[in-house]
Amino acid sequence: MLGGDAESAVARAKILARVIGTEFGFVGDRQSYDDPDNADLIRVIDRRRGLPVSLTILYVAAARRLGWAADALNTPGHVVARIGSETEPVLIDPFDGGAMLDAERFAALLRAVLGPDTAPRPEHLTAMSNRSVLVRLLMNQASRAERGGNPGRALTLYQRMTVIAPSNAHAWWEHARLQLNTGDVEAARSSLSAMLEVTREPELRMHACAALDALSRRR
Protein backbone atom coordinates (compact mmCIF):
# COMPACT_ATOMS: atom_id res chain seq x y z
CA MET A 1 0.00 0.00 0.00
CA LEU A 2 1.43 3.36 -1.00
CA GLY A 3 1.53 6.18 1.51
CA GLY A 4 -0.28 9.42 0.83
CA ASP A 5 2.82 11.22 -0.40
CA ALA A 6 3.70 8.39 -2.78
CA GLU A 7 0.15 8.21 -4.12
CA SER A 8 0.22 11.94 -4.73
CA ALA A 9 3.57 11.68 -6.54
CA VAL A 10 2.24 8.88 -8.74
CA ALA A 11 -0.84 10.95 -9.63
CA ARG A 12 1.30 13.98 -10.45
CA ALA A 13 3.71 11.93 -12.54
CA LYS A 14 0.78 10.57 -14.54
CA ILE A 15 -0.58 14.07 -15.11
CA LEU A 16 2.78 15.30 -16.39
CA ALA A 17 3.13 12.31 -18.72
CA ARG A 18 -0.40 12.71 -20.04
CA VAL A 19 -0.13 16.45 -20.69
CA ILE A 20 3.50 16.81 -21.82
CA GLY A 21 4.11 13.36 -23.27
CA THR A 22 0.72 12.44 -24.72
CA GLU A 23 -1.28 15.62 -25.35
CA PHE A 24 1.64 17.79 -26.48
CA GLY A 25 3.69 14.91 -27.86
CA PHE A 26 7.09 15.64 -26.32
CA VAL A 27 9.27 12.56 -26.63
CA GLY A 28 12.88 11.55 -27.09
CA ASP A 29 14.38 11.82 -30.55
CA ARG A 30 15.49 8.26 -31.20
CA GLN A 31 15.86 8.68 -34.96
CA SER A 32 18.37 11.57 -34.84
CA TYR A 33 19.62 11.44 -31.25
CA ASP A 34 22.82 13.39 -31.97
CA ASP A 35 21.07 16.24 -33.77
CA PRO A 36 22.24 19.48 -32.07
CA ASP A 37 18.63 20.66 -32.02
CA ASN A 38 17.92 18.06 -29.34
CA ALA A 39 20.04 20.01 -26.86
CA ASP A 40 18.66 23.44 -27.81
CA LEU A 41 15.63 24.15 -25.62
CA ILE A 42 14.02 26.52 -28.13
CA ARG A 43 14.28 23.91 -30.87
CA VAL A 44 13.16 21.17 -28.47
CA ILE A 45 9.98 23.13 -27.78
CA ASP A 46 9.46 23.79 -31.49
CA ARG A 47 10.07 20.18 -32.56
CA ARG A 48 8.75 18.45 -29.43
CA ARG A 49 11.77 16.19 -29.59
CA GLY A 50 14.89 16.20 -27.46
CA LEU A 51 17.50 14.54 -25.30
CA PRO A 52 16.82 13.12 -21.82
CA VAL A 53 18.27 16.23 -20.15
CA SER A 54 16.42 18.79 -22.27
CA LEU A 55 13.07 17.01 -21.88
CA THR A 56 13.63 16.54 -18.15
CA ILE A 57 14.13 20.30 -17.81
CA LEU A 58 10.64 20.82 -19.27
CA TYR A 59 9.03 18.26 -16.96
CA VAL A 60 10.71 19.60 -13.84
CA ALA A 61 9.93 23.21 -14.75
CA ALA A 62 6.25 22.38 -15.31
CA ALA A 63 6.01 20.46 -12.04
CA ARG A 64 7.66 23.22 -10.03
CA ARG A 65 5.43 25.84 -11.64
CA LEU A 66 2.51 23.89 -10.17
CA GLY A 67 4.17 23.86 -6.76
CA TRP A 68 5.12 20.18 -6.90
CA ALA A 69 8.44 18.78 -5.69
CA ALA A 70 10.53 17.75 -8.71
CA ASP A 71 14.20 17.36 -9.55
CA ALA A 72 16.43 16.28 -12.41
CA LEU A 73 18.62 13.37 -11.31
CA ASN A 74 22.28 13.04 -12.17
CA THR A 75 21.80 9.63 -13.76
CA PRO A 76 24.81 8.69 -15.92
CA GLY A 77 24.11 8.98 -19.62
CA HIS A 78 20.36 9.40 -19.31
CA VAL A 79 18.85 12.10 -17.08
CA VAL A 80 15.52 11.23 -15.48
CA ALA A 81 13.12 13.19 -13.29
CA ARG A 82 12.09 12.60 -9.71
CA ILE A 83 8.59 13.64 -8.73
CA GLY A 84 7.78 13.87 -5.03
CA SER A 85 9.91 13.72 -1.93
CA GLU A 86 13.29 12.04 -1.54
CA THR A 87 11.77 9.47 0.81
CA GLU A 88 8.84 8.47 -1.43
CA PRO A 89 9.82 9.49 -4.95
CA VAL A 90 8.45 8.49 -8.30
CA LEU A 91 10.98 8.33 -11.11
CA ILE A 92 9.90 9.12 -14.64
CA ASP A 93 11.68 9.07 -17.99
CA PRO A 94 10.74 12.17 -20.05
CA PHE A 95 12.63 10.69 -23.01
CA ASP A 96 10.09 7.85 -22.97
CA GLY A 97 7.07 10.14 -22.83
CA GLY A 98 7.10 10.39 -19.04
CA ALA A 99 6.94 6.64 -18.40
CA MET A 100 7.34 5.72 -14.74
CA LEU A 101 10.48 3.83 -13.77
CA ASP A 102 10.19 1.15 -11.13
CA ALA A 103 13.34 -0.32 -9.56
CA GLU A 104 13.72 -2.95 -12.29
CA ARG A 105 13.36 -0.51 -15.18
CA PHE A 106 15.73 1.98 -13.56
CA ALA A 107 18.33 -0.75 -13.08
CA ALA A 108 17.92 -1.78 -16.73
CA LEU A 109 18.44 1.82 -17.84
CA LEU A 110 21.70 2.00 -15.87
CA ARG A 111 22.90 -1.32 -17.27
CA ALA A 112 22.25 -0.10 -20.80
CA VAL A 113 24.46 2.95 -20.19
CA LEU A 114 27.13 1.64 -17.80
CA GLY A 115 27.32 -2.06 -18.57
CA PRO A 116 25.61 -5.32 -17.62
CA ASP A 117 27.19 -5.60 -14.16
CA THR A 118 26.00 -2.17 -12.97
CA ALA A 119 23.80 -1.99 -9.90
CA PRO A 120 21.94 1.18 -8.82
CA ARG A 121 23.82 3.21 -6.21
CA PRO A 122 22.82 6.30 -4.21
CA GLU A 123 24.86 8.62 -6.43
CA HIS A 124 22.71 7.58 -9.40
CA LEU A 125 19.75 9.20 -7.63
CA THR A 126 21.43 12.48 -6.72
CA ALA A 127 19.38 15.56 -7.52
CA MET A 128 21.12 18.18 -9.63
CA SER A 129 20.99 21.89 -8.88
CA ASN A 130 19.57 24.15 -11.56
CA ARG A 131 23.11 25.23 -12.38
CA SER A 132 24.30 21.64 -12.73
CA VAL A 133 21.41 20.83 -15.06
CA LEU A 134 22.29 23.80 -17.24
CA VAL A 135 25.95 22.76 -17.34
CA ARG A 136 24.96 19.23 -18.36
CA LEU A 137 22.80 20.63 -21.15
CA LEU A 138 25.66 22.87 -22.33
CA MET A 139 28.04 19.90 -22.19
CA ASN A 140 25.71 18.05 -24.54
CA GLN A 141 25.61 21.01 -26.90
CA ALA A 142 29.39 21.45 -26.84
CA SER A 143 30.18 17.80 -27.51
CA ARG A 144 27.73 17.71 -30.41
CA ALA A 145 29.12 20.94 -31.84
CA GLU A 146 32.65 19.57 -31.80
CA ARG A 147 31.61 16.23 -33.31
CA GLY A 148 29.74 18.17 -35.97
CA GLY A 149 32.91 20.02 -37.01
CA ASN A 150 32.19 23.30 -35.23
CA PRO A 151 34.92 23.68 -32.58
CA GLY A 152 34.35 27.44 -32.41
CA ARG A 153 30.81 26.87 -31.21
CA ALA A 154 32.08 24.30 -28.69
CA LEU A 155 34.66 26.79 -27.39
CA THR A 156 31.94 29.41 -26.88
CA LEU A 157 29.79 26.94 -24.97
CA TYR A 158 32.65 25.89 -22.68
CA GLN A 159 33.40 29.54 -22.04
CA ARG A 160 29.78 30.01 -20.97
CA MET A 161 30.13 27.05 -18.62
CA THR A 162 33.14 28.62 -16.92
CA VAL A 163 31.04 31.74 -16.30
CA ILE A 164 27.90 29.91 -15.15
CA ALA A 165 29.74 27.31 -13.07
CA PRO A 166 33.27 28.57 -12.37
CA SER A 167 33.92 25.71 -9.93
CA ASN A 168 33.43 23.08 -12.65
CA ALA A 169 36.95 21.82 -13.33
CA HIS A 170 35.94 19.79 -16.39
CA ALA A 171 34.63 22.92 -18.13
CA TRP A 172 37.97 24.68 -17.56
CA TRP A 173 39.87 21.65 -18.87
CA GLU A 174 37.84 21.45 -22.08
CA HIS A 175 38.04 25.23 -22.46
CA ALA A 176 41.84 25.05 -22.24
CA ARG A 177 42.00 22.13 -24.68
CA LEU A 178 40.03 24.00 -27.34
CA GLN A 179 41.95 27.23 -26.75
CA LEU A 180 45.17 25.32 -27.29
CA ASN A 181 43.75 23.81 -30.50
CA THR A 182 43.27 27.35 -31.81
CA GLY A 183 46.85 28.24 -30.90
CA ASP A 184 45.91 30.56 -28.03
CA VAL A 185 48.52 29.30 -25.59
CA GLU A 186 48.20 32.16 -23.11
CA ALA A 187 44.43 31.72 -22.86
CA ALA A 188 44.88 27.96 -22.36
CA ARG A 189 47.41 28.64 -19.62
CA SER A 190 44.93 30.97 -17.88
CA SER A 191 42.18 28.34 -18.06
CA LEU A 192 44.43 25.64 -16.61
CA SER A 193 45.47 27.97 -13.80
CA ALA A 194 41.79 28.67 -13.07
CA MET A 195 41.18 24.93 -13.01
CA LEU A 196 43.85 24.53 -10.33
CA GLU A 197 42.14 27.23 -8.29
CA VAL A 198 38.79 25.42 -8.21
CA THR A 199 39.67 21.76 -7.79
CA ARG A 200 41.40 19.82 -5.04
CA GLU A 201 40.96 16.46 -6.77
CA PRO A 202 44.48 14.97 -7.03
CA GLU A 203 44.11 13.43 -10.49
CA LEU A 204 42.65 16.58 -12.04
CA ARG A 205 45.37 18.72 -10.45
CA MET A 206 48.02 16.35 -11.76
CA HIS A 207 46.67 16.64 -15.31
CA ALA A 208 46.46 20.44 -15.10
CA CYS A 209 49.98 20.75 -13.72
CA ALA A 210 51.37 18.42 -16.40
CA ALA A 211 49.66 20.48 -19.09
CA LEU A 212 51.02 23.71 -17.67
CA ASP A 213 54.53 22.24 -17.54
CA ALA A 214 54.23 21.20 -21.17
CA LEU A 215 53.09 24.68 -22.15
CA SER A 216 56.03 26.23 -20.28
CA ARG A 217 58.46 24.09 -22.26
CA ARG A 218 56.97 25.42 -25.50
CA ARG A 219 58.16 28.97 -24.84
C-alpha atoms as a PDB file:
ATOM      1  CA  MET A   1       0.000   0.000   0.000  1.00  0.00           C
ATOM      2  CA  LEU A   2       1.432   3.356  -0.997  1.00  0.00           C
ATOM      3  CA  GLY A   3       1.533   6.181   1.506  1.00  0.00           C
ATOM      4  CA  GLY A   4      -0.280   9.420   0.833  1.00  0.00           C
ATOM      5  CA  ASP A   5       2.817  11.219  -0.403  1.00  0.00           C
ATOM      6  CA  ALA A   6       3.700   8.395  -2.784  1.00  0.00           C
ATOM      7  CA  GLU A   7       0.146   8.209  -4.119  1.00  0.00           C
ATOM      8  CA  SER A   8       0.218  11.942  -4.726  1.00  0.00           C
ATOM      9  CA  ALA A   9       3.571  11.682  -6.540  1.00  0.00           C
ATOM     10  CA  VAL A  10       2.245   8.883  -8.740  1.00  0.00           C
ATOM     11  CA  ALA A  11      -0.836  10.946  -9.630  1.00  0.00           C
ATOM     12  CA  ARG A  12       1.304  13.980 -10.448  1.00  0.00           C
ATOM     13  CA  ALA A  13       3.709  11.933 -12.544  1.00  0.00           C
ATOM     14  CA  LYS A  14       0.779  10.565 -14.541  1.00  0.00           C
ATOM     15  CA  ILE A  15      -0.582  14.071 -15.112  1.00  0.00           C
ATOM     16  CA  LEU A  16       2.783  15.301 -16.390  1.00  0.00           C
ATOM     17  CA  ALA A  17       3.129  12.311 -18.717  1.00  0.00           C
ATOM     18  CA  ARG A  18      -0.400  12.705 -20.042  1.00  0.00           C
ATOM     19  CA  VAL A  19      -0.130  16.446 -20.686  1.00  0.00           C
ATOM     20  CA  ILE A  20       3.499  16.809 -21.816  1.00  0.00           C
ATOM     21  CA  GLY A  21       4.110  13.359 -23.267  1.00  0.00           C
ATOM     22  CA  THR A  22       0.724  12.444 -24.724  1.00  0.00           C
ATOM     23  CA  GLU A  23      -1.278  15.624 -25.354  1.00  0.00           C
ATOM     24  CA  PHE A  24       1.644  17.791 -26.483  1.00  0.00           C
ATOM     25  CA  GLY A  25       3.692  14.910 -27.863  1.00  0.00           C
ATOM     26  CA  PHE A  26       7.090  15.643 -26.316  1.00  0.00           C
ATOM     27  CA  VAL A  27       9.271  12.562 -26.630  1.00  0.00           C
ATOM     28  CA  GLY A  28      12.878  11.546 -27.087  1.00  0.00           C
ATOM     29  CA  ASP A  29      14.380  11.823 -30.547  1.00  0.00           C
ATOM     30  CA  ARG A  30      15.486   8.257 -31.201  1.00  0.00           C
ATOM     31  CA  GLN A  31      15.864   8.682 -34.962  1.00  0.00           C
ATOM     32  CA  SER A  32      18.366  11.573 -34.838  1.00  0.00           C
ATOM     33  CA  TYR A  33      19.619  11.443 -31.254  1.00  0.00           C
ATOM     34  CA  ASP A  34      22.823  13.385 -31.968  1.00  0.00           C
ATOM     35  CA  ASP A  35      21.073  16.239 -33.767  1.00  0.00           C
ATOM     36  CA  PRO A  36      22.244  19.477 -32.067  1.00  0.00           C
ATOM     37  CA  ASP A  37      18.631  20.657 -32.017  1.00  0.00           C
ATOM     38  CA  ASN A  38      17.919  18.055 -29.339  1.00  0.00           C
ATOM     39  CA  ALA A  39      20.036  20.010 -26.857  1.00  0.00           C
ATOM     40  CA  ASP A  40      18.661  23.445 -27.813  1.00  0.00           C
ATOM     41  CA  LEU A  41      15.631  24.151 -25.621  1.00  0.00           C
ATOM     42  CA  ILE A  42      14.024  26.520 -28.129  1.00  0.00           C
ATOM     43  CA  ARG A  43      14.284  23.909 -30.873  1.00  0.00           C
ATOM     44  CA  VAL A  44      13.156  21.168 -28.468  1.00  0.00           C
ATOM     45  CA  ILE A  45       9.978  23.132 -27.780  1.00  0.00           C
ATOM     46  CA  ASP A  46       9.455  23.790 -31.494  1.00  0.00           C
ATOM     47  CA  ARG A  47      10.068  20.180 -32.562  1.00  0.00           C
ATOM     48  CA  ARG A  48       8.752  18.451 -29.430  1.00  0.00           C
ATOM     49  CA  ARG A  49      11.767  16.187 -29.591  1.00  0.00           C
ATOM     50  CA  GLY A  50      14.893  16.205 -27.464  1.00  0.00           C
ATOM     51  CA  LEU A  51      17.501  14.537 -25.299  1.00  0.00           C
ATOM     52  CA  PRO A  52      16.815  13.123 -21.824  1.00  0.00           C
ATOM     53  CA  VAL A  53      18.271  16.230 -20.148  1.00  0.00           C
ATOM     54  CA  SER A  54      16.421  18.788 -22.272  1.00  0.00           C
ATOM     55  CA  LEU A  55      13.069  17.012 -21.884  1.00  0.00           C
ATOM     56  CA  THR A  56      13.626  16.544 -18.153  1.00  0.00           C
ATOM     57  CA  ILE A  57      14.126  20.297 -17.814  1.00  0.00           C
ATOM     58  CA  LEU A  58      10.642  20.818 -19.266  1.00  0.00           C
ATOM     59  CA  TYR A  59       9.025  18.255 -16.962  1.00  0.00           C
ATOM     60  CA  VAL A  60      10.711  19.596 -13.842  1.00  0.00           C
ATOM     61  CA  ALA A  61       9.926  23.208 -14.752  1.00  0.00           C
ATOM     62  CA  ALA A  62       6.250  22.377 -15.312  1.00  0.00           C
ATOM     63  CA  ALA A  63       6.014  20.463 -12.037  1.00  0.00           C
ATOM     64  CA  ARG A  64       7.660  23.217 -10.031  1.00  0.00           C
ATOM     65  CA  ARG A  65       5.433  25.836 -11.639  1.00  0.00           C
ATOM     66  CA  LEU A  66       2.509  23.887 -10.174  1.00  0.00           C
ATOM     67  CA  GLY A  67       4.167  23.864  -6.756  1.00  0.00           C
ATOM     68  CA  TRP A  68       5.124  20.184  -6.905  1.00  0.00           C
ATOM     69  CA  ALA A  69       8.443  18.776  -5.692  1.00  0.00           C
ATOM     70  CA  ALA A  70      10.528  17.752  -8.709  1.00  0.00           C
ATOM     71  CA  ASP A  71      14.200  17.360  -9.552  1.00  0.00           C
ATOM     72  CA  ALA A  72      16.428  16.275 -12.406  1.00  0.00           C
ATOM     73  CA  LEU A  73      18.621  13.373 -11.315  1.00  0.00           C
ATOM     74  CA  ASN A  74      22.285  13.041 -12.170  1.00  0.00           C
ATOM     75  CA  THR A  75      21.801   9.628 -13.756  1.00  0.00           C
ATOM     76  CA  PRO A  76      24.809   8.693 -15.922  1.00  0.00           C
ATOM     77  CA  GLY A  77      24.109   8.985 -19.619  1.00  0.00           C
ATOM     78  CA  HIS A  78      20.358   9.404 -19.311  1.00  0.00           C
ATOM     79  CA  VAL A  79      18.855  12.101 -17.083  1.00  0.00           C
ATOM     80  CA  VAL A  80      15.524  11.225 -15.476  1.00  0.00           C
ATOM     81  CA  ALA A  81      13.118  13.193 -13.295  1.00  0.00           C
ATOM     82  CA  ARG A  82      12.093  12.600  -9.706  1.00  0.00           C
ATOM     83  CA  ILE A  83       8.592  13.639  -8.730  1.00  0.00           C
ATOM     84  CA  GLY A  84       7.777  13.872  -5.034  1.00  0.00           C
ATOM     85  CA  SER A  85       9.913  13.723  -1.927  1.00  0.00           C
ATOM     86  CA  GLU A  86      13.291  12.040  -1.539  1.00  0.00           C
ATOM     87  CA  THR A  87      11.771   9.475   0.813  1.00  0.00           C
ATOM     88  CA  GLU A  88       8.839   8.472  -1.426  1.00  0.00           C
ATOM     89  CA  PRO A  89       9.823   9.493  -4.952  1.00  0.00           C
ATOM     90  CA  VAL A  90       8.445   8.486  -8.303  1.00  0.00           C
ATOM     91  CA  LEU A  91      10.982   8.328 -11.114  1.00  0.00           C
ATOM     92  CA  ILE A  92       9.902   9.122 -14.642  1.00  0.00           C
ATOM     93  CA  ASP A  93      11.679   9.073 -17.992  1.00  0.00           C
ATOM     94  CA  PRO A  94      10.744  12.169 -20.045  1.00  0.00           C
ATOM     95  CA  PHE A  95      12.631  10.691 -23.013  1.00  0.00           C
ATOM     96  CA  ASP A  96      10.091   7.850 -22.966  1.00  0.00           C
ATOM     97  CA  GLY A  97       7.074  10.139 -22.825  1.00  0.00           C
ATOM     98  CA  GLY A  98       7.099  10.392 -19.039  1.00  0.00           C
ATOM     99  CA  ALA A  99       6.940   6.641 -18.398  1.00  0.00           C
ATOM    100  CA  MET A 100       7.339   5.724 -14.743  1.00  0.00           C
ATOM    101  CA  LEU A 101      10.480   3.832 -13.770  1.00  0.00           C
ATOM    102  CA  ASP A 102      10.194   1.148 -11.127  1.00  0.00           C
ATOM    103  CA  ALA A 103      13.343  -0.320  -9.561  1.00  0.00           C
ATOM    104  CA  GLU A 104      13.719  -2.949 -12.285  1.00  0.00           C
ATOM    105  CA  ARG A 105      13.357  -0.509 -15.178  1.00  0.00           C
ATOM    106  CA  PHE A 106      15.727   1.980 -13.555  1.00  0.00           C
ATOM    107  CA  ALA A 107      18.335  -0.754 -13.085  1.00  0.00           C
ATOM    108  CA  ALA A 108      17.916  -1.781 -16.734  1.00  0.00           C
ATOM    109  CA  LEU A 109      18.440   1.821 -17.836  1.00  0.00           C
ATOM    110  CA  LEU A 110      21.700   1.997 -15.870  1.00  0.00           C
ATOM    111  CA  ARG A 111      22.902  -1.324 -17.272  1.00  0.00           C
ATOM    112  CA  ALA A 112      22.246  -0.096 -20.804  1.00  0.00           C
ATOM    113  CA  VAL A 113      24.456   2.949 -20.188  1.00  0.00           C
ATOM    114  CA  LEU A 114      27.130   1.641 -17.803  1.00  0.00           C
ATOM    115  CA  GLY A 115      27.319  -2.060 -18.570  1.00  0.00           C
ATOM    116  CA  PRO A 116      25.610  -5.322 -17.617  1.00  0.00           C
ATOM    117  CA  ASP A 117      27.185  -5.595 -14.162  1.00  0.00           C
ATOM    118  CA  THR A 118      25.996  -2.169 -12.972  1.00  0.00           C
ATOM    119  CA  ALA A 119      23.800  -1.992  -9.895  1.00  0.00           C
ATOM    120  CA  PRO A 120      21.944   1.178  -8.817  1.00  0.00           C
ATOM    121  CA  ARG A 121      23.820   3.211  -6.209  1.00  0.00           C
ATOM    122  CA  PRO A 122      22.816   6.296  -4.215  1.00  0.00           C
ATOM    123  CA  GLU A 123      24.858   8.623  -6.430  1.00  0.00           C
ATOM    124  CA  HIS A 124      22.711   7.579  -9.398  1.00  0.00           C
ATOM    125  CA  LEU A 125      19.753   9.198  -7.631  1.00  0.00           C
ATOM    126  CA  THR A 126      21.429  12.477  -6.718  1.00  0.00           C
ATOM    127  CA  ALA A 127      19.376  15.560  -7.524  1.00  0.00           C
ATOM    128  CA  MET A 128      21.123  18.183  -9.633  1.00  0.00           C
ATOM    129  CA  SER A 129      20.989  21.886  -8.880  1.00  0.00           C
ATOM    130  CA  ASN A 130      19.566  24.154 -11.556  1.00  0.00           C
ATOM    131  CA  ARG A 131      23.108  25.232 -12.384  1.00  0.00           C
ATOM    132  CA  SER A 132      24.296  21.643 -12.727  1.00  0.00           C
ATOM    133  CA  VAL A 133      21.409  20.829 -15.060  1.00  0.00           C
ATOM    134  CA  LEU A 134      22.293  23.805 -17.241  1.00  0.00           C
ATOM    135  CA  VAL A 135      25.947  22.757 -17.342  1.00  0.00           C
ATOM    136  CA  ARG A 136      24.959  19.229 -18.358  1.00  0.00           C
ATOM    137  CA  LEU A 137      22.802  20.631 -21.151  1.00  0.00           C
ATOM    138  CA  LEU A 138      25.661  22.872 -22.332  1.00  0.00           C
ATOM    139  CA  MET A 139      28.039  19.897 -22.194  1.00  0.00           C
ATOM    140  CA  ASN A 140      25.706  18.047 -24.535  1.00  0.00           C
ATOM    141  CA  GLN A 141      25.607  21.014 -26.900  1.00  0.00           C
ATOM    142  CA  ALA A 142      29.391  21.450 -26.837  1.00  0.00           C
ATOM    143  CA  SER A 143      30.183  17.795 -27.509  1.00  0.00           C
ATOM    144  CA  ARG A 144      27.728  17.709 -30.411  1.00  0.00           C
ATOM    145  CA  ALA A 145      29.123  20.942 -31.842  1.00  0.00           C
ATOM    146  CA  GLU A 146      32.650  19.567 -31.801  1.00  0.00           C
ATOM    147  CA  ARG A 147      31.612  16.235 -33.305  1.00  0.00           C
ATOM    148  CA  GLY A 148      29.744  18.173 -35.965  1.00  0.00           C
ATOM    149  CA  GLY A 149      32.907  20.016 -37.007  1.00  0.00           C
ATOM    150  CA  ASN A 150      32.195  23.298 -35.232  1.00  0.00           C
ATOM    151  CA  PRO A 151      34.921  23.681 -32.580  1.00  0.00           C
ATOM    152  CA  GLY A 152      34.353  27.441 -32.411  1.00  0.00           C
ATOM    153  CA  ARG A 153      30.809  26.868 -31.209  1.00  0.00           C
ATOM    154  CA  ALA A 154      32.076  24.299 -28.687  1.00  0.00           C
ATOM    155  CA  LEU A 155      34.656  26.785 -27.387  1.00  0.00           C
ATOM    156  CA  THR A 156      31.940  29.409 -26.881  1.00  0.00           C
ATOM    157  CA  LEU A 157      29.786  26.940 -24.966  1.00  0.00           C
ATOM    158  CA  TYR A 158      32.645  25.887 -22.684  1.00  0.00           C
ATOM    159  CA  GLN A 159      33.401  29.539 -22.042  1.00  0.00           C
ATOM    160  CA  ARG A 160      29.778  30.014 -20.975  1.00  0.00           C
ATOM    161  CA  MET A 161      30.126  27.054 -18.616  1.00  0.00           C
ATOM    162  CA  THR A 162      33.139  28.625 -16.919  1.00  0.00           C
ATOM    163  CA  VAL A 163      31.037  31.743 -16.303  1.00  0.00           C
ATOM    164  CA  ILE A 164      27.896  29.913 -15.148  1.00  0.00           C
ATOM    165  CA  ALA A 165      29.740  27.307 -13.065  1.00  0.00           C
ATOM    166  CA  PRO A 166      33.274  28.572 -12.371  1.00  0.00           C
ATOM    167  CA  SER A 167      33.916  25.712  -9.933  1.00  0.00           C
ATOM    168  CA  ASN A 168      33.433  23.082 -12.653  1.00  0.00           C
ATOM    169  CA  ALA A 169      36.951  21.823 -13.330  1.00  0.00           C
ATOM    170  CA  HIS A 170      35.936  19.786 -16.388  1.00  0.00           C
ATOM    171  CA  ALA A 171      34.634  22.922 -18.133  1.00  0.00           C
ATOM    172  CA  TRP A 172      37.966  24.681 -17.560  1.00  0.00           C
ATOM    173  CA  TRP A 173      39.872  21.653 -18.867  1.00  0.00           C
ATOM    174  CA  GLU A 174      37.837  21.451 -22.076  1.00  0.00           C
ATOM    175  CA  HIS A 175      38.044  25.229 -22.465  1.00  0.00           C
ATOM    176  CA  ALA A 176      41.845  25.049 -22.237  1.00  0.00           C
ATOM    177  CA  ARG A 177      42.004  22.134 -24.679  1.00  0.00           C
ATOM    178  CA  LEU A 178      40.033  23.999 -27.344  1.00  0.00           C
ATOM    179  CA  GLN A 179      41.947  27.234 -26.752  1.00  0.00           C
ATOM    180  CA  LEU A 180      45.166  25.317 -27.291  1.00  0.00           C
ATOM    181  CA  ASN A 181      43.754  23.812 -30.496  1.00  0.00           C
ATOM    182  CA  THR A 182      43.267  27.352 -31.812  1.00  0.00           C
ATOM    183  CA  GLY A 183      46.845  28.240 -30.904  1.00  0.00           C
ATOM    184  CA  ASP A 184      45.915  30.565 -28.034  1.00  0.00           C
ATOM    185  CA  VAL A 185      48.518  29.297 -25.586  1.00  0.00           C
ATOM    186  CA  GLU A 186      48.195  32.163 -23.111  1.00  0.00           C
ATOM    187  CA  ALA A 187      44.428  31.716 -22.859  1.00  0.00           C
ATOM    188  CA  ALA A 188      44.880  27.963 -22.363  1.00  0.00           C
ATOM    189  CA  ARG A 189      47.413  28.637 -19.617  1.00  0.00           C
ATOM    190  CA  SER A 190      44.934  30.965 -17.880  1.00  0.00           C
ATOM    191  CA  SER A 191      42.180  28.339 -18.061  1.00  0.00           C
ATOM    192  CA  LEU A 192      44.428  25.645 -16.613  1.00  0.00           C
ATOM    193  CA  SER A 193      45.471  27.972 -13.800  1.00  0.00           C
ATOM    194  CA  ALA A 194      41.794  28.674 -13.074  1.00  0.00           C
ATOM    195  CA  MET A 195      41.182  24.927 -13.012  1.00  0.00           C
ATOM    196  CA  LEU A 196      43.853  24.527 -10.333  1.00  0.00           C
ATOM    197  CA  GLU A 197      42.135  27.231  -8.291  1.00  0.00           C
ATOM    198  CA  VAL A 198      38.785  25.424  -8.208  1.00  0.00           C
ATOM    199  CA  THR A 199      39.667  21.760  -7.795  1.00  0.00           C
ATOM    200  CA  ARG A 200      41.396  19.820  -5.038  1.00  0.00           C
ATOM    201  CA  GLU A 201      40.963  16.464  -6.767  1.00  0.00           C
ATOM    202  CA  PRO A 202      44.483  14.973  -7.034  1.00  0.00           C
ATOM    203  CA  GLU A 203      44.110  13.430 -10.485  1.00  0.00           C
ATOM    204  CA  LEU A 204      42.654  16.580 -12.040  1.00  0.00           C
ATOM    205  CA  ARG A 205      45.370  18.719 -10.455  1.00  0.00           C
ATOM    206  CA  MET A 206      48.021  16.348 -11.765  1.00  0.00           C
ATOM    207  CA  HIS A 207      46.672  16.638 -15.313  1.00  0.00           C
ATOM    208  CA  ALA A 208      46.463  20.440 -15.095  1.00  0.00           C
ATOM    209  CA  CYS A 209      49.984  20.748 -13.717  1.00  0.00           C
ATOM    210  CA  ALA A 210      51.368  18.416 -16.396  1.00  0.00           C
ATOM    211  CA  ALA A 211      49.660  20.476 -19.090  1.00  0.00           C
ATOM    212  CA  LEU A 212      51.019  23.715 -17.668  1.00  0.00           C
ATOM    213  CA  ASP A 213      54.531  22.241 -17.540  1.00  0.00           C
ATOM    214  CA  ALA A 214      54.225  21.202 -21.172  1.00  0.00           C
ATOM    215  CA  LEU A 215      53.094  24.683 -22.152  1.00  0.00           C
ATOM    216  CA  SER A 216      56.029  26.235 -20.278  1.00  0.00           C
ATOM    217  CA  ARG A 217      58.459  24.093 -22.262  1.00  0.00           C
ATOM    218  CA  ARG A 218      56.968  25.423 -25.501  1.00  0.00           C
ATOM    219  CA  ARG A 219      58.162  28.965 -24.839  1.00  0.00           C
END
